């Protein structure tokens, strides 16, 4: 149990990212691959949001002293990354729907064999 006591929340976000990477590399189903890419996105965004977290920091919305103000740049970048991630997932799902309609499969191996014919 000593190992668990030394873990931080950023270690969990890295584990989530690599769990998504493992899923993206090993899944034969296209939908599961798309979900795995979404999990990777969540892990990366969570890591960058939590890596620079200062306990007790206040948002820079109201007049606060600069010493306790949270840095707004990483937050703005991660909001942009969330929008891009949602757009990528939506585009992947739209392409999957077109491929599934045309080739009638959700399996990568079957799809590759049908494309090679």
Protein backbone atom coordinates (compact mmCIF):
# COMPACT_ATOMS: atom_id res chain seq x y z
CA UNK A 1 0.00 0.00 0.00
CA UNK A 2 3.03 2.30 0.22
CA UNK A 3 2.97 2.69 -3.56
CA UNK A 4 -0.59 4.02 -3.54
CA UNK A 5 0.20 6.59 -0.86
CA UNK A 6 2.74 8.28 -3.14
CA UNK A 7 0.41 8.62 -6.13
CA UNK A 8 -0.89 12.02 -7.17
CA UNK A 9 -3.91 12.95 -9.24
CA UNK A 10 -1.64 13.74 -12.20
CA UNK A 11 -0.47 10.11 -12.13
CA UNK A 12 -4.09 9.08 -12.57
CA UNK A 13 -4.50 11.35 -15.57
CA UNK A 14 -1.38 9.87 -17.20
CA UNK A 15 -2.78 6.39 -16.55
CA UNK A 16 -6.08 7.41 -18.18
CA UNK A 17 -4.21 8.68 -21.23
CA UNK A 18 -2.24 5.45 -21.61
CA UNK A 19 -5.38 3.39 -21.05
CA UNK A 20 -6.92 5.21 -24.00
CA UNK A 21 -3.75 4.68 -26.04
CA UNK A 22 -3.83 0.96 -25.27
CA UNK A 23 -7.47 0.81 -26.32
CA UNK A 24 -6.80 2.70 -29.54
CA UNK A 25 -3.98 0.35 -30.47
CA UNK A 26 -5.63 -2.95 -29.59
CA UNK A 27 -9.31 -2.62 -30.48
CA UNK A 28 -10.62 -4.17 -33.68
CA UNK A 29 -13.94 -2.33 -33.45
CA UNK A 30 -13.96 1.16 -34.97
CA UNK A 31 -16.39 2.57 -32.36
CA UNK A 32 -14.21 1.33 -29.51
CA UNK A 33 -11.20 2.92 -31.17
CA UNK A 34 -13.02 6.25 -31.39
CA UNK A 35 -14.01 5.98 -27.72
CA UNK A 36 -10.39 5.22 -26.84
CA UNK A 37 -9.25 8.37 -28.64
CA UNK A 38 -11.80 10.32 -26.59
CA UNK A 39 -10.38 8.79 -23.40
CA UNK A 40 -6.90 9.85 -24.47
CA UNK A 41 -8.21 13.38 -25.01
CA UNK A 42 -9.76 13.45 -21.53
CA UNK A 43 -6.52 12.22 -19.97
CA UNK A 44 -4.38 14.83 -21.73
CA UNK A 45 -6.72 17.71 -20.90
CA UNK A 46 -7.01 16.62 -17.26
CA UNK A 47 -3.23 16.37 -16.97
CA UNK A 48 -2.63 19.87 -18.30
CA UNK A 49 -5.37 21.33 -16.12
CA UNK A 50 -4.08 19.69 -12.94
CA UNK A 51 -0.33 20.04 -13.57
CA UNK A 52 -0.33 23.80 -12.90
CA UNK A 53 -3.03 23.79 -10.20
CA UNK A 54 -2.35 25.97 -7.16
CA UNK A 55 -4.52 25.27 -4.11
CA UNK A 56 -6.50 28.32 -3.05
CA UNK A 57 -6.07 30.17 -6.36
CA UNK A 58 -8.95 32.48 -7.28
CA UNK A 59 -10.28 32.92 -10.81
CA UNK A 60 -9.21 36.14 -12.52
CA UNK A 61 -12.81 37.27 -13.00
CA UNK A 62 -13.12 39.61 -10.05
CA UNK A 63 -10.43 42.01 -8.80
CA UNK A 64 -8.03 39.79 -6.82
CA UNK A 65 -4.39 40.23 -5.88
CA UNK A 66 -2.05 38.70 -8.49
CA UNK A 67 -0.42 36.46 -5.86
CA UNK A 68 -3.56 34.32 -5.44
CA UNK A 69 -4.87 34.63 -9.00
CA UNK A 70 -5.08 31.49 -11.16
CA UNK A 71 -3.32 31.61 -14.51
CA UNK A 72 -6.04 31.93 -17.19
CA UNK A 73 -3.86 30.87 -20.15
CA UNK A 74 -3.86 27.09 -19.48
CA UNK A 75 -7.61 27.23 -18.86
CA UNK A 76 -8.21 29.01 -22.16
CA UNK A 77 -5.98 26.55 -24.02
CA UNK A 78 -7.77 23.57 -22.51
CA UNK A 79 -11.19 24.98 -23.40
CA UNK A 80 -9.91 25.21 -26.96
CA UNK A 81 -8.59 21.63 -26.72
CA UNK A 82 -11.98 20.43 -25.49
CA UNK A 83 -13.73 22.01 -28.47
CA UNK A 84 -11.20 20.53 -30.88
CA UNK A 85 -11.50 17.11 -29.21
CA UNK A 86 -15.29 17.11 -29.48
CA UNK A 87 -15.01 18.15 -33.13
CA UNK A 88 -12.54 15.36 -33.88
CA UNK A 89 -14.77 12.76 -32.21
CA UNK A 90 -17.81 14.06 -34.11
CA UNK A 91 -15.90 13.91 -37.41
CA UNK A 92 -14.68 10.37 -36.65
CA UNK A 93 -18.23 9.25 -35.90
CA UNK A 94 -19.53 10.85 -39.09
CA UNK A 95 -16.84 9.07 -41.12
CA UNK A 96 -17.61 5.82 -39.32
CA UNK A 97 -21.28 6.11 -40.21
CA UNK A 98 -20.38 6.57 -43.87
CA UNK A 99 -17.94 3.61 -43.83
CA UNK A 100 -20.41 1.36 -41.99
CA UNK A 101 -23.15 2.23 -44.46
CA UNK A 102 -20.93 1.58 -47.47
CA UNK A 103 -18.99 -1.50 -46.31
CA UNK A 104 -21.33 -2.89 -43.66
CA UNK A 105 -18.76 -3.53 -40.94
CA UNK A 106 -17.29 -2.00 -37.79
CA UNK A 107 -14.22 -4.27 -37.74
CA UNK A 108 -10.90 -2.78 -38.87
CA UNK A 109 -9.59 -6.07 -40.28
CA UNK A 110 -12.70 -6.79 -42.34
CA UNK A 111 -12.75 -3.20 -43.59
CA UNK A 112 -9.11 -3.37 -44.69
CA UNK A 113 -9.74 -6.67 -46.52
CA UNK A 114 -12.77 -5.17 -48.30
CA UNK A 115 -10.81 -2.06 -49.28
CA UNK A 116 -7.96 -4.16 -50.74
CA UNK A 117 -10.32 -5.98 -53.15
